[in-house]
Amino acid sequence: MNSEFAVRPMRPGELELVLEWARQEGWNPGLDDSLPFHDADPSGFFVGALGEVPVGSISVVKYGDAFAFLGLYMVHPDFRGKGYGRAIWDAGIASANGRSIGLDGVVAQQDNYRKAGFEEAFRTVRYGGVIASLPSSALVAHAATDKLDGLIRYDASVFPAPRPDFVTSWCTSRKHRRTAVVRKSGKIRGYGTIRRCFDGYKIGPLFAADADSAASLLAELGPEAKGARVFIDIPSDNKEAVALAVGMGLAPVFETARMYRGVIPAMPLKNVFGVTTLELG
């Protein structure tokens, strides 16, 4: 390994560079994901660099004192096979400070993650395509224009840990995204975000109390794509979510496994109709 190599926190502008690497790898991040990614935990993003040149990256975003999520782990193709990836990995794992760690592992890397102490909890399948028809629902979803306190509490009931800074940043109106909420008798029954990506749009998170609430959100968010391809990352155990996606004309295009090292957090998959991101959980 080159003696000039070091792992350090990301500097301004480097997260945008890493997300461009992710695009080149086919991960298809959102066009304006960089700010909410960073706001989730500014201390959770690292690069491995040769002098001033970043050659690899990892994010280990800490959500509270017990949980962290690992993503954006990659080495630029020009610098692979030199030991940099292992050094970046070790630094990222150490930064979790004993927390349980989650990740979404592609099929080719799952054995390596198992060797590193990660255990599969469920499969996530990406469904994608041009929406052929939108689901119908008795409920009505609305764009999220009110205070975010309720959304933050609702998100914490589904995600493995509270993440108020992330939800606040993620749901703030931006050029390339829209968030909607569905309520019944004044109580939040679900929420979702559609965001423009390098290729088409992603819907995530898509959290809902039941299939009817999820259908209402999809009916509200789907038209934002305007005929472009739409992708949703769905836990395969949630059969109602799969049925909604298939009913919209979407088909499987990609698969990962949600894996954890340490205590596997309780996560109500029946309420997860689409995960937020494969990079942040």
C-alpha atoms as a PDB file:
ATOM      1  CA  MET A   1       0.000   0.000   0.000  1.00  0.00           C
ATOM      2  CA  ASN A   2       1.304   3.444  -0.912  1.00  0.00           C
ATOM      3  CA  SER A   3       2.745   5.298   2.087  1.00  0.00           C
ATOM      4  CA  GLU A   4       0.811   8.428   1.081  1.00  0.00           C
ATOM      5  CA  PHE A   5      -2.504   6.620   1.542  1.00  0.00           C
ATOM      6  CA  ALA A   6      -4.731   7.653   4.461  1.00  0.00           C
ATOM      7  CA  VAL A   7      -8.400   7.387   5.440  1.00  0.00           C
ATOM      8  CA  ARG A   8      -9.910  10.687   6.532  1.00  0.00           C
ATOM      9  CA  PRO A   9     -13.306  12.414   6.828  1.00  0.00           C
ATOM     10  CA  MET A  10     -14.803  13.663   3.579  1.00  0.00           C
ATOM     11  CA  ARG A  11     -14.218  17.292   2.707  1.00  0.00           C
ATOM     12  CA  PRO A  12     -16.741  19.644   1.080  1.00  0.00           C
ATOM     13  CA  GLY A  13     -17.477  18.530  -2.459  1.00  0.00           C
ATOM     14  CA  GLU A  14     -16.166  14.989  -2.034  1.00  0.00           C
ATOM     15  CA  LEU A  15     -19.573  13.461  -1.314  1.00  0.00           C
ATOM     16  CA  GLU A  16     -20.739  14.726  -4.703  1.00  0.00           C
ATOM     17  CA  LEU A  17     -17.690  13.024  -6.241  1.00  0.00           C
ATOM     18  CA  VAL A  18     -18.487   9.755  -4.477  1.00  0.00           C
ATOM     19  CA  LEU A  19     -22.130   9.881  -5.594  1.00  0.00           C
ATOM     20  CA  GLU A  20     -20.849  10.309  -9.148  1.00  0.00           C
ATOM     21  CA  TRP A  21     -18.760   7.167  -8.663  1.00  0.00           C
ATOM     22  CA  ALA A  22     -21.946   5.476  -7.426  1.00  0.00           C
ATOM     23  CA  ARG A  23     -23.732   6.567 -10.593  1.00  0.00           C
ATOM     24  CA  GLN A  24     -20.929   5.079 -12.685  1.00  0.00           C
ATOM     25  CA  GLU A  25     -21.304   1.810 -10.750  1.00  0.00           C
ATOM     26  CA  GLY A  26     -24.993   1.739 -11.634  1.00  0.00           C
ATOM     27  CA  TRP A  27     -26.279   2.593  -8.140  1.00  0.00           C
ATOM     28  CA  ASN A  28     -28.372   5.477  -9.516  1.00  0.00           C
ATOM     29  CA  PRO A  29     -28.491   7.912  -6.557  1.00  0.00           C
ATOM     30  CA  GLY A  30     -30.857  10.876  -6.484  1.00  0.00           C
ATOM     31  CA  LEU A  31     -29.761  14.129  -8.074  1.00  0.00           C
ATOM     32  CA  ASP A  32     -29.971  16.070  -4.810  1.00  0.00           C
ATOM     33  CA  ASP A  33     -29.195  13.299  -2.325  1.00  0.00           C
ATOM     34  CA  SER A  34     -25.881  14.749  -1.157  1.00  0.00           C
ATOM     35  CA  LEU A  35     -27.241  17.242   1.405  1.00  0.00           C
ATOM     36  CA  PRO A  36     -29.667  14.919   3.261  1.00  0.00           C
ATOM     37  CA  PHE A  37     -27.075  12.141   3.138  1.00  0.00           C
ATOM     38  CA  HIS A  38     -24.581  14.427   4.856  1.00  0.00           C
ATOM     39  CA  ASP A  39     -27.137  15.892   7.254  1.00  0.00           C
ATOM     40  CA  ALA A  40     -27.906  12.377   8.509  1.00  0.00           C
ATOM     41  CA  ASP A  41     -24.510  12.315  10.260  1.00  0.00           C
ATOM     42  CA  PRO A  42     -21.780  14.695   9.044  1.00  0.00           C
ATOM     43  CA  SER A  43     -19.128  12.626  10.858  1.00  0.00           C
ATOM     44  CA  GLY A  44     -20.111   9.413   9.086  1.00  0.00           C
ATOM     45  CA  PHE A  45     -18.461   9.880   5.679  1.00  0.00           C
ATOM     46  CA  PHE A  46     -14.877   8.949   4.831  1.00  0.00           C
ATOM     47  CA  VAL A  47     -12.541   8.758   1.861  1.00  0.00           C
ATOM     48  CA  GLY A  48      -9.341   6.885   1.359  1.00  0.00           C
ATOM     49  CA  ALA A  49      -6.928   9.242  -0.364  1.00  0.00           C
ATOM     50  CA  LEU A  50      -3.512   9.111  -1.970  1.00  0.00           C
ATOM     51  CA  GLY A  51      -2.195  12.476  -0.962  1.00  0.00           C
ATOM     52  CA  GLU A  52      -4.994  14.821  -2.044  1.00  0.00           C
ATOM     53  CA  VAL A  53      -6.619  12.366  -4.472  1.00  0.00           C
ATOM     54  CA  PRO A  54      -9.659  10.376  -3.193  1.00  0.00           C
ATOM     55  CA  VAL A  55      -9.514   6.765  -4.377  1.00  0.00           C
ATOM     56  CA  GLY A  56     -12.274   5.132  -2.310  1.00  0.00           C
ATOM     57  CA  SER A  57     -15.075   5.828   0.144  1.00  0.00           C
ATOM     58  CA  ILE A  58     -17.363   4.520   2.840  1.00  0.00           C
ATOM     59  CA  SER A  59     -20.229   5.922   4.882  1.00  0.00           C
ATOM     60  CA  VAL A  60     -21.110   4.629   8.341  1.00  0.00           C
ATOM     61  CA  VAL A  61     -23.970   6.848   9.410  1.00  0.00           C
ATOM     62  CA  LYS A  62     -24.752   6.707  13.117  1.00  0.00           C
ATOM     63  CA  TYR A  63     -28.389   6.810  14.188  1.00  0.00           C
ATOM     64  CA  GLY A  64     -28.351   7.232  17.952  1.00  0.00           C
ATOM     65  CA  ASP A  65     -26.157   5.255  20.323  1.00  0.00           C
ATOM     66  CA  ALA A  66     -27.004   1.721  19.203  1.00  0.00           C
ATOM     67  CA  PHE A  67     -27.331   1.622  15.397  1.00  0.00           C
ATOM     68  CA  ALA A  68     -25.362   2.619  12.303  1.00  0.00           C
ATOM     69  CA  PHE A  69     -25.762   1.960   8.593  1.00  0.00           C
ATOM     70  CA  LEU A  70     -22.929   1.296   6.168  1.00  0.00           C
ATOM     71  CA  GLY A  71     -23.033   2.381   2.539  1.00  0.00           C
ATOM     72  CA  LEU A  72     -21.145   4.052  -0.305  1.00  0.00           C
ATOM     73  CA  TYR A  73     -18.353   1.503   0.121  1.00  0.00           C
ATOM     74  CA  MET A  74     -16.309   1.474  -3.059  1.00  0.00           C
ATOM     75  CA  VAL A  75     -12.853   1.916  -4.504  1.00  0.00           C
ATOM     76  CA  HIS A  76     -12.444   3.662  -7.840  1.00  0.00           C
ATOM     77  CA  PRO A  77     -11.677   1.054 -10.551  1.00  0.00           C
ATOM     78  CA  ASP A  78      -8.267   2.616 -11.234  1.00  0.00           C
ATOM     79  CA  PHE A  79      -7.106   1.842  -7.686  1.00  0.00           C
ATOM     80  CA  ARG A  80      -8.522  -1.609  -6.926  1.00  0.00           C
ATOM     81  CA  GLY A  81      -6.434  -4.583  -5.857  1.00  0.00           C
ATOM     82  CA  LYS A  82      -3.985  -2.540  -3.808  1.00  0.00           C
ATOM     83  CA  GLY A  83      -5.382  -3.031  -0.293  1.00  0.00           C
ATOM     84  CA  TYR A  84      -7.053   0.357  -0.080  1.00  0.00           C
ATOM     85  CA  GLY A  85     -10.552  -1.111   0.230  1.00  0.00           C
ATOM     86  CA  ARG A  86      -9.696  -3.118   3.345  1.00  0.00           C
ATOM     87  CA  ALA A  87      -8.161  -0.092   5.044  1.00  0.00           C
ATOM     88  CA  ILE A  88     -11.237   2.010   4.234  1.00  0.00           C
ATOM     89  CA  TRP A  89     -13.524  -0.767   5.486  1.00  0.00           C
ATOM     90  CA  ASP A  90     -11.643  -1.147   8.771  1.00  0.00           C
ATOM     91  CA  ALA A  91     -11.760   2.607   9.432  1.00  0.00           C
ATOM     92  CA  GLY A  92     -15.485   2.729   8.702  1.00  0.00           C
ATOM     93  CA  ILE A  93     -16.321  -0.209  10.958  1.00  0.00           C
ATOM     94  CA  ALA A  94     -14.234   1.284  13.776  1.00  0.00           C
ATOM     95  CA  SER A  95     -16.154   4.562  13.489  1.00  0.00           C
ATOM     96  CA  ALA A  96     -19.393   2.824  14.494  1.00  0.00           C
ATOM     97  CA  ASN A  97     -18.073   2.615  18.064  1.00  0.00           C
ATOM     98  CA  GLY A  98     -19.626  -0.747  18.932  1.00  0.00           C
ATOM     99  CA  ARG A  99     -23.043  -0.085  17.420  1.00  0.00           C
ATOM    100  CA  SER A 100     -24.961  -2.696  15.482  1.00  0.00           C
ATOM    101  CA  ILE A 101     -24.347  -2.038  11.781  1.00  0.00           C
ATOM    102  CA  GLY A 102     -26.688  -2.598   8.847  1.00  0.00           C
ATOM    103  CA  LEU A 103     -25.947  -2.674   5.136  1.00  0.00           C
ATOM    104  CA  ASP A 104     -27.525  -3.680   1.846  1.00  0.00           C
ATOM    105  CA  GLY A 105     -25.188  -6.158   0.171  1.00  0.00           C
ATOM    106  CA  VAL A 106     -25.181  -6.993  -3.527  1.00  0.00           C
ATOM    107  CA  VAL A 107     -25.271 -10.720  -4.298  1.00  0.00           C
ATOM    108  CA  ALA A 108     -21.607 -10.883  -5.358  1.00  0.00           C
ATOM    109  CA  GLN A 109     -20.401  -9.490  -2.013  1.00  0.00           C
ATOM    110  CA  GLN A 110     -22.703 -11.228   0.453  1.00  0.00           C
ATOM    111  CA  ASP A 111     -20.253 -14.028   1.274  1.00  0.00           C
ATOM    112  CA  ASN A 112     -17.569 -11.455   2.054  1.00  0.00           C
ATOM    113  CA  TYR A 113     -19.967  -9.622   4.354  1.00  0.00           C
ATOM    114  CA  ARG A 114     -20.808 -12.884   6.121  1.00  0.00           C
ATOM    115  CA  LYS A 115     -17.106 -13.452   6.730  1.00  0.00           C
ATOM    116  CA  ALA A 116     -17.009  -9.970   8.266  1.00  0.00           C
ATOM    117  CA  GLY A 117     -19.733 -10.944  10.757  1.00  0.00           C
ATOM    118  CA  PHE A 118     -22.863  -9.768   8.942  1.00  0.00           C
ATOM    119  CA  GLU A 119     -26.025 -11.895   8.969  1.00  0.00           C
ATOM    120  CA  GLU A 120     -28.806 -11.708   6.385  1.00  0.00           C
ATOM    121  CA  ALA A 121     -32.157 -10.447   7.698  1.00  0.00           C
ATOM    122  CA  PHE A 122     -34.195 -10.160   4.492  1.00  0.00           C
ATOM    123  CA  ARG A 123     -33.887  -9.707   0.749  1.00  0.00           C
ATOM    124  CA  THR A 124     -34.602  -6.409  -0.971  1.00  0.00           C
ATOM    125  CA  VAL A 125     -35.653  -6.492  -4.620  1.00  0.00           C
ATOM    126  CA  ARG A 126     -35.629  -3.387  -6.804  1.00  0.00           C
ATOM    127  CA  TYR A 127     -38.725  -3.160  -8.982  1.00  0.00           C
ATOM    128  CA  GLY A 128     -38.524  -0.814 -11.925  1.00  0.00           C
ATOM    129  CA  GLY A 129     -40.155   0.258 -15.160  1.00  0.00           C
ATOM    130  CA  VAL A 130     -42.560   2.762 -16.617  1.00  0.00           C
ATOM    131  CA  ILE A 131     -45.753   2.953 -14.590  1.00  0.00           C
ATOM    132  CA  ALA A 132     -48.554   1.321 -16.578  1.00  0.00           C
ATOM    133  CA  SER A 133     -51.357   2.062 -14.102  1.00  0.00           C
ATOM    134  CA  LEU A 134     -51.623   3.673 -10.701  1.00  0.00           C
ATOM    135  CA  PRO A 135     -53.294   1.909  -7.773  1.00  0.00           C
ATOM    136  CA  SER A 136     -56.636   3.084  -6.451  1.00  0.00           C
ATOM    137  CA  SER A 137     -57.269   3.887  -2.796  1.00  0.00           C
ATOM    138  CA  ALA A 138     -60.037   5.088  -0.527  1.00  0.00           C
ATOM    139  CA  LEU A 139     -57.543   7.382   1.188  1.00  0.00           C
ATOM    140  CA  VAL A 140     -56.036  10.619  -0.123  1.00  0.00           C
ATOM    141  CA  ALA A 141     -52.384  11.565   0.207  1.00  0.00           C
ATOM    142  CA  HIS A 142     -51.208  15.157   0.283  1.00  0.00           C
ATOM    143  CA  ALA A 143     -47.884  16.831  -0.300  1.00  0.00           C
ATOM    144  CA  ALA A 144     -46.059  17.314   3.002  1.00  0.00           C
ATOM    145  CA  THR A 145     -46.309  21.026   3.748  1.00  0.00           C
ATOM    146  CA  ASP A 146     -46.897  20.954   7.496  1.00  0.00           C
ATOM    147  CA  LYS A 147     -44.536  20.612  10.440  1.00  0.00           C
ATOM    148  CA  LEU A 148     -42.253  17.601  10.382  1.00  0.00           C
ATOM    149  CA  ASP A 149     -42.589  16.567  14.039  1.00  0.00           C
ATOM    150  CA  GLY A 150     -45.252  13.984  13.267  1.00  0.00           C
ATOM    151  CA  LEU A 151     -43.314  12.612  10.303  1.00  0.00           C
ATOM    152  CA  ILE A 152     -40.196  12.234  12.425  1.00  0.00           C
ATOM    153  CA  ARG A 153     -42.151  10.260  15.042  1.00  0.00           C
ATOM    154  CA  TYR A 154     -43.802   8.111  12.384  1.00  0.00           C
ATOM    155  CA  ASP A 155     -40.492   7.381  10.655  1.00  0.00           C
ATOM    156  CA  ALA A 156     -38.980   6.289  13.975  1.00  0.00           C
ATOM    157  CA  SER A 157     -41.796   3.735  14.374  1.00  0.00           C
ATOM    158  CA  VAL A 158     -40.667   1.974  11.175  1.00  0.00           C
ATOM    159  CA  PHE A 159     -36.935   2.661  10.777  1.00  0.00           C
ATOM    160  CA  PRO A 160     -34.591   0.896  13.262  1.00  0.00           C
ATOM    161  CA  ALA A 161     -33.699   4.172  15.052  1.00  0.00           C
ATOM    162  CA  PRO A 162     -34.826   7.812  15.238  1.00  0.00           C
ATOM    163  CA  ARG A 163     -33.246   9.984  12.520  1.00  0.00           C
ATOM    164  CA  PRO A 164     -34.720  13.476  12.941  1.00  0.00           C
ATOM    165  CA  ASP A 165     -31.956  15.389  11.151  1.00  0.00           C
ATOM    166  CA  PHE A 166     -32.161  13.119   8.151  1.00  0.00           C
ATOM    167  CA  VAL A 167     -35.964  13.205   7.904  1.00  0.00           C
ATOM    168  CA  THR A 168     -35.984  17.000   8.201  1.00  0.00           C
ATOM    169  CA  SER A 169     -33.448  17.389   5.405  1.00  0.00           C
ATOM    170  CA  TRP A 170     -34.895  14.601   3.244  1.00  0.00           C
ATOM    171  CA  CYS A 171     -38.431  15.958   3.326  1.00  0.00           C
ATOM    172  CA  THR A 172     -37.566  19.608   2.780  1.00  0.00           C
ATOM    173  CA  SER A 173     -38.803  20.709  -0.613  1.00  0.00           C
ATOM    174  CA  ARG A 174     -36.144  20.655  -3.297  1.00  0.00           C
ATOM    175  CA  LYS A 175     -36.151  20.890  -7.052  1.00  0.00           C
ATOM    176  CA  HIS A 176     -35.876  17.165  -7.696  1.00  0.00           C
ATOM    177  CA  ARG A 177     -38.047  15.576  -4.991  1.00  0.00           C
ATOM    178  CA  ARG A 178     -41.516  15.515  -3.500  1.00  0.00           C
ATOM    179  CA  THR A 179     -42.785  14.013  -0.250  1.00  0.00           C
ATOM    180  CA  ALA A 180     -46.397  13.073   0.467  1.00  0.00           C
ATOM    181  CA  VAL A 181     -48.262  12.025   3.613  1.00  0.00           C
ATOM    182  CA  VAL A 182     -51.471  10.061   4.058  1.00  0.00           C
ATOM    183  CA  ARG A 183     -53.647  10.498   7.153  1.00  0.00           C
ATOM    184  CA  LYS A 184     -56.735   8.899   8.591  1.00  0.00           C
ATOM    185  CA  SER A 185     -58.688  10.540  11.429  1.00  0.00           C
ATOM    186  CA  GLY A 186     -55.850  13.028  11.755  1.00  0.00           C
ATOM    187  CA  LYS A 187     -53.163  10.380  12.301  1.00  0.00           C
ATOM    188  CA  ILE A 188     -50.326   9.720   9.905  1.00  0.00           C
ATOM    189  CA  ARG A 189     -50.823   6.389   8.154  1.00  0.00           C
ATOM    190  CA  GLY A 190     -47.779   6.611   5.922  1.00  0.00           C
ATOM    191  CA  TYR A 191     -45.419   8.778   3.951  1.00  0.00           C
ATOM    192  CA  GLY A 192     -43.254   8.541   0.876  1.00  0.00           C
ATOM    193  CA  THR A 193     -40.808  10.469  -1.277  1.00  0.00           C
ATOM    194  CA  ILE A 194     -40.215  10.406  -5.015  1.00  0.00           C
ATOM    195  CA  ARG A 195     -36.935  11.843  -6.227  1.00  0.00           C
ATOM    196  CA  ARG A 196     -35.296  12.379  -9.575  1.00  0.00           C
ATOM    197  CA  CYS A 197     -32.274  10.149 -10.157  1.00  0.00           C
ATOM    198  CA  PHE A 198     -29.665   9.940 -12.870  1.00  0.00           C
ATOM    199  CA  ASP A 199     -31.911   7.327 -14.469  1.00  0.00           C
ATOM    200  CA  GLY A 200     -35.593   7.969 -13.908  1.00  0.00           C
ATOM    201  CA  TYR A 201     -37.054   8.294 -10.407  1.00  0.00           C
ATOM    202  CA  LYS A 202     -36.927   6.397  -7.125  1.00  0.00           C
ATOM    203  CA  ILE A 203     -39.730   6.159  -4.605  1.00  0.00           C
ATOM    204  CA  GLY A 204     -38.364   5.758  -1.086  1.00  0.00           C
ATOM    205  CA  PRO A 205     -39.044   5.723   1.715  1.00  0.00           C
ATOM    206  CA  LEU A 206     -42.486   4.280   1.205  1.00  0.00           C
ATOM    207  CA  PHE A 207     -43.671   3.537   4.730  1.00  0.00           C
ATOM    208  CA  ALA A 208     -47.339   2.805   5.352  1.00  0.00           C
ATOM    209  CA  ALA A 209     -49.638   1.252   7.934  1.00  0.00           C
ATOM    210  CA  ASP A 210     -51.366  -0.896   5.296  1.00  0.00           C
ATOM    211  CA  ALA A 211     -51.623  -1.538   1.574  1.00  0.00           C
ATOM    212  CA  ASP A 212     -54.425   1.008   1.085  1.00  0.00           C
ATOM    213  CA  SER A 213     -52.283   3.778   2.587  1.00  0.00           C
ATOM    214  CA  ALA A 214     -49.335   2.741   0.408  1.00  0.00           C
ATOM    215  CA  ALA A 215     -51.563   2.720  -2.675  1.00  0.00           C
ATOM    216  CA  SER A 216     -52.704   6.248  -1.869  1.00  0.00           C
ATOM    217  CA  LEU A 217     -49.099   7.420  -1.672  1.00  0.00           C
ATOM    218  CA  LEU A 218     -48.179   5.720  -4.938  1.00  0.00           C
ATOM    219  CA  ALA A 219     -51.176   7.296  -6.660  1.00  0.00           C
ATOM    220  CA  GLU A 220     -50.036  10.715  -5.423  1.00  0.00           C
ATOM    221  CA  LEU A 221     -46.323  10.339  -6.179  1.00  0.00           C
ATOM    222  CA  GLY A 222     -46.342   8.246  -9.348  1.00  0.00           C
ATOM    223  CA  PRO A 223     -47.442  11.004 -11.747  1.00  0.00           C
ATOM    224  CA  GLU A 224     -44.314  13.008 -10.818  1.00  0.00           C
ATOM    225  CA  ALA A 225     -42.312  10.637 -13.036  1.00  0.00           C
ATOM    226  CA  LYS A 226     -44.146  11.866 -16.155  1.00  0.00           C
ATOM    227  CA  GLY A 227     -43.558   8.649 -18.046  1.00  0.00           C
ATOM    228  CA  ALA A 228     -39.943   8.122 -16.963  1.00  0.00           C
ATOM    229  CA  ARG A 229     -38.853   4.876 -15.336  1.00  0.00           C
ATOM    230  CA  VAL A 230     -39.593   4.464 -11.625  1.00  0.00           C
ATOM    231  CA  PHE A 231     -37.723   2.250  -9.136  1.00  0.00           C
ATOM    232  CA  ILE A 232     -38.751   1.028  -5.668  1.00  0.00           C
ATOM    233  CA  ASP A 233     -36.560  -1.131  -3.380  1.00  0.00           C
ATOM    234  CA  ILE A 234     -38.980  -3.534  -1.700  1.00  0.00           C
ATOM    235  CA  PRO A 235     -38.399  -6.098   1.072  1.00  0.00           C
ATOM    236  CA  SER A 236     -39.384  -9.364  -0.614  1.00  0.00           C
ATOM    237  CA  ASP A 237     -41.206 -10.484   2.554  1.00  0.00           C
ATOM    238  CA  ASN A 238     -43.772  -7.704   2.076  1.00  0.00           C
ATOM    239  CA  LYS A 239     -46.047  -9.447  -0.409  1.00  0.00           C
ATOM    240  CA  GLU A 240     -48.548  -6.577  -0.474  1.00  0.00           C
ATOM    241  CA  ALA A 241     -45.763  -4.194  -1.522  1.00  0.00           C
ATOM    242  CA  VAL A 242     -44.667  -6.576  -4.268  1.00  0.00           C
ATOM    243  CA  ALA A 243     -48.263  -6.878  -5.492  1.00  0.00           C
ATOM    244  CA  LEU A 244     -48.616  -3.086  -5.662  1.00  0.00           C
ATOM    245  CA  ALA A 245     -45.408  -2.755  -7.676  1.00  0.00           C
ATOM    246  CA  VAL A 246     -46.352  -5.535 -10.084  1.00  0.00           C
ATOM    247  CA  GLY A 247     -49.810  -4.035 -10.469  1.00  0.00           C
ATOM    248  CA  MET A 248     -48.192  -0.777 -11.563  1.00  0.00           C
ATOM    249  CA  GLY A 249     -46.294  -2.620 -14.281  1.00  0.00           C
ATOM    250  CA  LEU A 250     -42.922  -2.723 -12.502  1.00  0.00           C
ATOM    251  CA  ALA A 251     -40.651  -5.782 -12.634  1.00  0.00           C
ATOM    252  CA  PRO A 252     -37.588  -7.018 -10.688  1.00  0.00           C
ATOM    253  CA  VAL A 253     -34.320  -5.499 -11.927  1.00  0.00           C
ATOM    254  CA  PHE A 254     -31.849  -5.836  -9.031  1.00  0.00           C
ATOM    255  CA  GLU A 255     -31.475  -7.603  -5.692  1.00  0.00           C
ATOM    256  CA  THR A 256     -29.627  -7.028  -2.431  1.00  0.00           C
ATOM    257  CA  ALA A 257     -29.735  -8.502   1.064  1.00  0.00           C
ATOM    258  CA  ARG A 258     -30.244  -6.432   4.199  1.00  0.00           C
ATOM    259  CA  MET A 259     -27.555  -7.684   6.551  1.00  0.00           C
ATOM    260  CA  TYR A 260     -26.612  -6.765  10.111  1.00  0.00           C
ATOM    261  CA  ARG A 261     -23.556  -7.150  12.292  1.00  0.00           C
ATOM    262  CA  GLY A 262     -24.518  -7.206  15.947  1.00  0.00           C
ATOM    263  CA  VAL A 263     -28.059  -7.084  17.260  1.00  0.00           C
ATOM    264  CA  ILE A 264     -30.602  -7.276  14.430  1.00  0.00           C
ATOM    265  CA  PRO A 265     -33.044  -4.422  15.068  1.00  0.00           C
ATOM    266  CA  ALA A 266     -36.774  -4.960  15.095  1.00  0.00           C
ATOM    267  CA  MET A 267     -38.165  -3.558  11.844  1.00  0.00           C
ATOM    268  CA  PRO A 268     -41.848  -3.974  10.911  1.00  0.00           C
ATOM    269  CA  LEU A 269     -41.415  -5.107   7.301  1.00  0.00           C
ATOM    270  CA  LYS A 270     -45.194  -5.140   6.827  1.00  0.00           C
ATOM    271  CA  ASN A 271     -44.978  -1.342   6.978  1.00  0.00           C
ATOM    272  CA  VAL A 272     -41.976  -1.037   4.626  1.00  0.00           C
ATOM    273  CA  PHE A 273     -43.357  -0.804   1.107  1.00  0.00           C
ATOM    274  CA  GLY A 274     -40.070   0.702  -0.074  1.00  0.00           C
ATOM    275  CA  VAL A 275     -36.793   1.281   1.763  1.00  0.00           C
ATOM    276  CA  THR A 276     -35.376   4.796   1.877  1.00  0.00           C
ATOM    277  CA  THR A 277     -32.067   4.137   0.134  1.00  0.00           C
ATOM    278  CA  LEU A 278     -29.654   1.231  -0.216  1.00  0.00           C
ATOM    279  CA  GLU A 279     -26.914   3.573   1.040  1.00  0.00           C
ATOM    280  CA  LEU A 280     -28.587   4.856   4.214  1.00  0.00           C
ATOM    281  CA  GLY A 281     -31.115   2.160   5.060  1.00  0.00           C
END
